[in-house]
Amino acid sequence: MIAPNEMTSPLDMTLDELRAALAPLIPGNAAFDGWSDQALAMAAAELGVPAERARLAFPGGALEMIDAWFDAIDRAMASAWPLERVEQLKIRERIRTLILDRIAMINPHKEALRRAFAILALPQNAMAGARLAWRAAARMWRRRSESCIDRAPPLSRCRRSAPISLASLKNSSVDAHPARDS
């Protein structure tokens, strides 16, 4: 996705730029309204864009909003962990650190993540959920190994890392629900 230009007015952004600008704002509203048009409209109002224009940036509805949010997290992780910073870590610490950083980025939006997982758990969305998990794992793997001689990890390692990354994300980012603890 294209990163929004700080000099561009939200009303002048392309749909790709608008999607990238709205993606980090939607989860704050999705925690209360779900991944709905109402959450999108509230995020659009924060940005100063008409809700109708914001809907054009996400024609696929909730799945596209979740996809854009996860992509924004990946971009933020890549920005927070430039290659020079990743190379300072020991090899075995790189993936662990990237996963923990990803969890820290999602942590303020636990309820939005719960609602996103509920949507991704639907049978018709299983492939999209798997694709998003794979993409996150692949991006962390690439960020971890950009300085390595062999840039492509063995396929068997990739197959193991995607479920581990999603399981780590789900289990570590969501604390016990307070209402269920009582």
C-alpha atoms as a PDB file:
ATOM      1  CA  MET A   1       0.000   0.000   0.000  1.00  0.00           C
ATOM      2  CA  ILE A   2       1.036   3.554  -0.558  1.00  0.00           C
ATOM      3  CA  ALA A   3       1.920   5.594   2.519  1.00  0.00           C
ATOM      4  CA  PRO A   4      -0.019   8.831   2.809  1.00  0.00           C
ATOM      5  CA  ASN A   5       1.895  11.984   2.078  1.00  0.00           C
ATOM      6  CA  GLU A   6       1.872  14.394   5.032  1.00  0.00           C
ATOM      7  CA  MET A   7       1.605  17.308   2.611  1.00  0.00           C
ATOM      8  CA  THR A   8      -1.544  15.945   0.952  1.00  0.00           C
ATOM      9  CA  SER A   9      -4.904  17.011   2.323  1.00  0.00           C
ATOM     10  CA  PRO A  10      -7.106  14.032   3.233  1.00  0.00           C
ATOM     11  CA  LEU A  11      -9.624  15.229   0.666  1.00  0.00           C
ATOM     12  CA  ASP A  12      -6.947  15.144  -2.063  1.00  0.00           C
ATOM     13  CA  MET A  13      -5.599  11.667  -1.239  1.00  0.00           C
ATOM     14  CA  THR A  14      -5.928   8.790  -3.643  1.00  0.00           C
ATOM     15  CA  LEU A  15      -7.985   5.852  -2.388  1.00  0.00           C
ATOM     16  CA  ASP A  16      -4.793   3.904  -1.609  1.00  0.00           C
ATOM     17  CA  GLU A  17      -3.425   6.834   0.406  1.00  0.00           C
ATOM     18  CA  LEU A  18      -6.771   7.239   2.136  1.00  0.00           C
ATOM     19  CA  ARG A  19      -6.870   3.522   3.001  1.00  0.00           C
ATOM     20  CA  ALA A  20      -3.378   3.779   4.517  1.00  0.00           C
ATOM     21  CA  ALA A  21      -4.351   6.890   6.498  1.00  0.00           C
ATOM     22  CA  LEU A  22      -7.620   5.396   7.792  1.00  0.00           C
ATOM     23  CA  ALA A  23      -6.244   1.944   8.656  1.00  0.00           C
ATOM     24  CA  PRO A  24      -4.680   2.880  12.026  1.00  0.00           C
ATOM     25  CA  LEU A  25      -7.769   4.922  13.019  1.00  0.00           C
ATOM     26  CA  ILE A  26     -10.443   2.280  12.436  1.00  0.00           C
ATOM     27  CA  PRO A  27      -9.511  -0.100  15.317  1.00  0.00           C
ATOM     28  CA  GLY A  28     -10.211   2.586  17.911  1.00  0.00           C
ATOM     29  CA  ASN A  29     -13.785   2.675  16.682  1.00  0.00           C
ATOM     30  CA  ALA A  30     -14.070  -1.027  15.805  1.00  0.00           C
ATOM     31  CA  ALA A  31     -13.652  -1.852  19.489  1.00  0.00           C
ATOM     32  CA  PHE A  32     -17.109  -0.352  20.090  1.00  0.00           C
ATOM     33  CA  ASP A  33     -18.899  -0.615  16.744  1.00  0.00           C
ATOM     34  CA  GLY A  34     -17.271  -3.696  15.245  1.00  0.00           C
ATOM     35  CA  TRP A  35     -15.618  -3.628  11.850  1.00  0.00           C
ATOM     36  CA  SER A  36     -18.588  -1.794  10.388  1.00  0.00           C
ATOM     37  CA  ASP A  37     -19.449   1.178   8.206  1.00  0.00           C
ATOM     38  CA  GLN A  38     -20.141   3.106  11.412  1.00  0.00           C
ATOM     39  CA  ALA A  39     -16.587   2.501  12.690  1.00  0.00           C
ATOM     40  CA  LEU A  40     -15.248   3.516   9.278  1.00  0.00           C
ATOM     41  CA  ALA A  41     -17.387   6.668   9.250  1.00  0.00           C
ATOM     42  CA  MET A  42     -16.092   7.667  12.687  1.00  0.00           C
ATOM     43  CA  ALA A  43     -12.479   7.120  11.582  1.00  0.00           C
ATOM     44  CA  ALA A  44     -13.197   9.162   8.445  1.00  0.00           C
ATOM     45  CA  ALA A  45     -14.591  11.979  10.587  1.00  0.00           C
ATOM     46  CA  GLU A  46     -11.368  11.956  12.644  1.00  0.00           C
ATOM     47  CA  LEU A  47      -9.406  12.365   9.427  1.00  0.00           C
ATOM     48  CA  GLY A  48     -11.823  14.951   7.988  1.00  0.00           C
ATOM     49  CA  VAL A  49     -13.038  12.857   5.069  1.00  0.00           C
ATOM     50  CA  PRO A  50     -16.655  12.198   4.068  1.00  0.00           C
ATOM     51  CA  ALA A  51     -17.832   8.714   5.075  1.00  0.00           C
ATOM     52  CA  GLU A  52     -18.894   7.964   1.484  1.00  0.00           C
ATOM     53  CA  ARG A  53     -15.340   8.555   0.242  1.00  0.00           C
ATOM     54  CA  ALA A  54     -13.922   6.394   3.035  1.00  0.00           C
ATOM     55  CA  ARG A  55     -16.242   3.534   2.035  1.00  0.00           C
ATOM     56  CA  LEU A  56     -14.805   3.715  -1.491  1.00  0.00           C
ATOM     57  CA  ALA A  57     -11.369   2.934  -0.016  1.00  0.00           C
ATOM     58  CA  PHE A  58     -12.724  -0.314   1.508  1.00  0.00           C
ATOM     59  CA  PRO A  59     -15.142  -1.825  -1.019  1.00  0.00           C
ATOM     60  CA  GLY A  60     -14.695  -5.276   0.566  1.00  0.00           C
ATOM     61  CA  GLY A  61     -16.002  -4.093   3.925  1.00  0.00           C
ATOM     62  CA  ALA A  62     -14.735  -5.541   7.200  1.00  0.00           C
ATOM     63  CA  LEU A  63     -12.175  -7.892   5.650  1.00  0.00           C
ATOM     64  CA  GLU A  64     -10.496  -5.048   3.785  1.00  0.00           C
ATOM     65  CA  MET A  65     -10.487  -2.865   6.909  1.00  0.00           C
ATOM     66  CA  ILE A  66      -8.836  -5.651   8.923  1.00  0.00           C
ATOM     67  CA  ASP A  67      -6.364  -6.317   6.106  1.00  0.00           C
ATOM     68  CA  ALA A  68      -5.457  -2.621   5.960  1.00  0.00           C
ATOM     69  CA  TRP A  69      -5.035  -2.467   9.753  1.00  0.00           C
ATOM     70  CA  PHE A  70      -2.735  -5.487   9.791  1.00  0.00           C
ATOM     71  CA  ASP A  71      -0.798  -3.948   6.877  1.00  0.00           C
ATOM     72  CA  ALA A  72      -0.463  -0.682   8.835  1.00  0.00           C
ATOM     73  CA  ILE A  73       0.926  -2.662  11.775  1.00  0.00           C
ATOM     74  CA  ASP A  74       3.436  -4.353   9.461  1.00  0.00           C
ATOM     75  CA  ARG A  75       4.504  -0.964   8.064  1.00  0.00           C
ATOM     76  CA  ALA A  76       4.817   0.503  11.566  1.00  0.00           C
ATOM     77  CA  MET A  77       6.907  -2.488  12.640  1.00  0.00           C
ATOM     78  CA  ALA A  78       9.180  -2.065   9.616  1.00  0.00           C
ATOM     79  CA  SER A  79       9.516   1.629  10.401  1.00  0.00           C
ATOM     80  CA  ALA A  80      10.284   0.975  14.081  1.00  0.00           C
ATOM     81  CA  TRP A  81      12.807  -1.743  13.196  1.00  0.00           C
ATOM     82  CA  PRO A  82      15.007  -0.509  10.335  1.00  0.00           C
ATOM     83  CA  LEU A  83      17.571  -2.973   9.048  1.00  0.00           C
ATOM     84  CA  GLU A  84      20.376  -1.312  11.047  1.00  0.00           C
ATOM     85  CA  ARG A  85      18.471  -1.818  14.286  1.00  0.00           C
ATOM     86  CA  VAL A  86      17.522  -5.439  13.510  1.00  0.00           C
ATOM     87  CA  GLU A  87      21.134  -6.294  12.648  1.00  0.00           C
ATOM     88  CA  GLN A  88      22.226  -5.263  16.156  1.00  0.00           C
ATOM     89  CA  LEU A  89      20.235  -8.160  17.616  1.00  0.00           C
ATOM     90  CA  LYS A  90      21.429 -11.735  17.826  1.00  0.00           C
ATOM     91  CA  ILE A  91      19.889 -13.936  15.151  1.00  0.00           C
ATOM     92  CA  ARG A  92      17.769 -15.895  17.645  1.00  0.00           C
ATOM     93  CA  GLU A  93      16.347 -12.667  19.121  1.00  0.00           C
ATOM     94  CA  ARG A  94      15.226 -11.085  15.869  1.00  0.00           C
ATOM     95  CA  ILE A  95      11.891 -12.865  15.276  1.00  0.00           C
ATOM     96  CA  ARG A  96      11.053 -12.907  18.991  1.00  0.00           C
ATOM     97  CA  THR A  97      11.648  -9.164  19.222  1.00  0.00           C
ATOM     98  CA  LEU A  98       9.591  -8.427  16.106  1.00  0.00           C
ATOM     99  CA  ILE A  99       6.680 -10.536  17.395  1.00  0.00           C
ATOM    100  CA  LEU A 100       6.789  -8.829  20.792  1.00  0.00           C
ATOM    101  CA  ASP A 101       6.883  -5.411  19.105  1.00  0.00           C
ATOM    102  CA  ARG A 102       3.894  -6.367  16.957  1.00  0.00           C
ATOM    103  CA  ILE A 103       2.012  -7.473  20.078  1.00  0.00           C
ATOM    104  CA  ALA A 104       2.843  -4.168  21.783  1.00  0.00           C
ATOM    105  CA  MET A 105       1.459  -2.254  18.783  1.00  0.00           C
ATOM    106  CA  ILE A 106      -1.803  -4.222  18.823  1.00  0.00           C
ATOM    107  CA  ASN A 107      -2.180  -4.268  22.613  1.00  0.00           C
ATOM    108  CA  PRO A 108      -4.088  -0.949  22.890  1.00  0.00           C
ATOM    109  CA  HIS A 109      -6.697  -2.378  20.508  1.00  0.00           C
ATOM    110  CA  LYS A 110      -7.459  -5.719  22.196  1.00  0.00           C
ATOM    111  CA  GLU A 111     -11.214  -5.517  21.654  1.00  0.00           C
ATOM    112  CA  ALA A 112     -10.779  -4.580  17.992  1.00  0.00           C
ATOM    113  CA  LEU A 113      -8.445  -7.563  17.633  1.00  0.00           C
ATOM    114  CA  ARG A 114     -11.022  -9.860  19.274  1.00  0.00           C
ATOM    115  CA  ARG A 115     -13.638  -8.628  16.847  1.00  0.00           C
ATOM    116  CA  ALA A 116     -11.239  -9.039  13.917  1.00  0.00           C
ATOM    117  CA  PHE A 117     -10.494 -12.626  14.976  1.00  0.00           C
ATOM    118  CA  ALA A 118     -14.240 -13.307  15.205  1.00  0.00           C
ATOM    119  CA  ILE A 119     -14.651 -12.181  11.596  1.00  0.00           C
ATOM    120  CA  LEU A 120     -11.562 -14.065  10.386  1.00  0.00           C
ATOM    121  CA  ALA A 121     -12.765 -17.227  12.163  1.00  0.00           C
ATOM    122  CA  LEU A 122     -15.875 -17.435   9.999  1.00  0.00           C
ATOM    123  CA  PRO A 123     -15.625 -20.300   7.494  1.00  0.00           C
ATOM    124  CA  GLN A 124     -15.937 -18.009   4.471  1.00  0.00           C
ATOM    125  CA  ASN A 125     -12.989 -15.928   5.785  1.00  0.00           C
ATOM    126  CA  ALA A 126     -10.615 -18.785   6.640  1.00  0.00           C
ATOM    127  CA  MET A 127      -8.460 -18.238   3.565  1.00  0.00           C
ATOM    128  CA  ALA A 128      -8.222 -14.497   4.208  1.00  0.00           C
ATOM    129  CA  GLY A 129      -7.219 -15.166   7.823  1.00  0.00           C
ATOM    130  CA  ALA A 130      -4.553 -17.622   6.722  1.00  0.00           C
ATOM    131  CA  ARG A 131      -3.275 -15.151   4.119  1.00  0.00           C
ATOM    132  CA  LEU A 132      -2.988 -12.370   6.714  1.00  0.00           C
ATOM    133  CA  ALA A 133      -1.169 -14.650   9.171  1.00  0.00           C
ATOM    134  CA  TRP A 134       1.193 -15.825   6.436  1.00  0.00           C
ATOM    135  CA  ARG A 135       1.869 -12.264   5.288  1.00  0.00           C
ATOM    136  CA  ALA A 136       2.718 -11.104   8.822  1.00  0.00           C
ATOM    137  CA  ALA A 137       5.030 -14.072   9.372  1.00  0.00           C
ATOM    138  CA  ALA A 138       6.693 -13.594   5.983  1.00  0.00           C
ATOM    139  CA  ARG A 139       7.267  -9.881   6.587  1.00  0.00           C
ATOM    140  CA  MET A 140       8.816 -10.545   9.995  1.00  0.00           C
ATOM    141  CA  TRP A 141      10.939 -13.320   8.511  1.00  0.00           C
ATOM    142  CA  ARG A 142      12.168 -11.048   5.717  1.00  0.00           C
ATOM    143  CA  ARG A 143      12.881  -8.203   8.163  1.00  0.00           C
ATOM    144  CA  ARG A 144      14.833 -10.680  10.291  1.00  0.00           C
ATOM    145  CA  SER A 145      16.902 -12.045   7.444  1.00  0.00           C
ATOM    146  CA  GLU A 146      17.440  -9.130   5.068  1.00  0.00           C
ATOM    147  CA  SER A 147      21.105  -9.063   5.984  1.00  0.00           C
ATOM    148  CA  CYS A 148      21.554 -12.829   5.653  1.00  0.00           C
ATOM    149  CA  ILE A 149      23.215 -14.339   2.607  1.00  0.00           C
ATOM    150  CA  ASP A 150      20.328 -16.698   1.890  1.00  0.00           C
ATOM    151  CA  ARG A 151      17.347 -14.386   1.682  1.00  0.00           C
ATOM    152  CA  ALA A 152      14.771 -17.126   1.179  1.00  0.00           C
ATOM    153  CA  PRO A 153      14.091 -19.247   4.268  1.00  0.00           C
ATOM    154  CA  PRO A 154      13.555 -22.970   3.813  1.00  0.00           C
ATOM    155  CA  LEU A 155       9.900 -23.652   3.096  1.00  0.00           C
ATOM    156  CA  SER A 156       9.590 -25.964   6.089  1.00  0.00           C
ATOM    157  CA  ARG A 157      10.660 -23.096   8.382  1.00  0.00           C
ATOM    158  CA  CYS A 158       8.088 -20.750   6.836  1.00  0.00           C
ATOM    159  CA  ARG A 159       5.327 -23.296   7.315  1.00  0.00           C
ATOM    160  CA  ARG A 160       6.203 -23.524  10.983  1.00  0.00           C
ATOM    161  CA  SER A 161       6.541 -19.781  11.554  1.00  0.00           C
ATOM    162  CA  ALA A 162       3.121 -18.639  10.254  1.00  0.00           C
ATOM    163  CA  PRO A 163       0.980 -20.565  12.768  1.00  0.00           C
ATOM    164  CA  ILE A 164       3.409 -19.764  15.563  1.00  0.00           C
ATOM    165  CA  SER A 165       3.244 -16.054  14.760  1.00  0.00           C
ATOM    166  CA  LEU A 166      -0.564 -16.030  14.693  1.00  0.00           C
ATOM    167  CA  ALA A 167      -0.792 -18.093  17.875  1.00  0.00           C
ATOM    168  CA  SER A 168       1.704 -15.821  19.620  1.00  0.00           C
ATOM    169  CA  LEU A 169      -0.189 -12.769  18.445  1.00  0.00           C
ATOM    170  CA  LYS A 170      -3.540 -14.087  19.603  1.00  0.00           C
ATOM    171  CA  ASN A 171      -2.455 -15.569  22.926  1.00  0.00           C
ATOM    172  CA  SER A 172      -0.104 -12.809  24.012  1.00  0.00           C
ATOM    173  CA  SER A 173      -2.059  -9.759  22.936  1.00  0.00           C
ATOM    174  CA  VAL A 174      -5.371 -10.612  24.514  1.00  0.00           C
ATOM    175  CA  ASP A 175      -5.546 -10.684  28.296  1.00  0.00           C
ATOM    176  CA  ALA A 176      -8.293 -12.471  30.148  1.00  0.00           C
ATOM    177  CA  HIS A 177     -11.619 -10.707  29.786  1.00  0.00           C
ATOM    178  CA  PRO A 178     -12.413  -8.987  33.110  1.00  0.00           C
ATOM    179  CA  ALA A 179     -16.082  -9.979  32.994  1.00  0.00           C
ATOM    180  CA  ARG A 180     -15.163 -13.647  32.660  1.00  0.00           C
ATOM    181  CA  ASP A 181     -12.729 -13.554  35.601  1.00  0.00           C
ATOM    182  CA  SER A 182     -15.398 -12.810  38.163  1.00  0.00           C
END
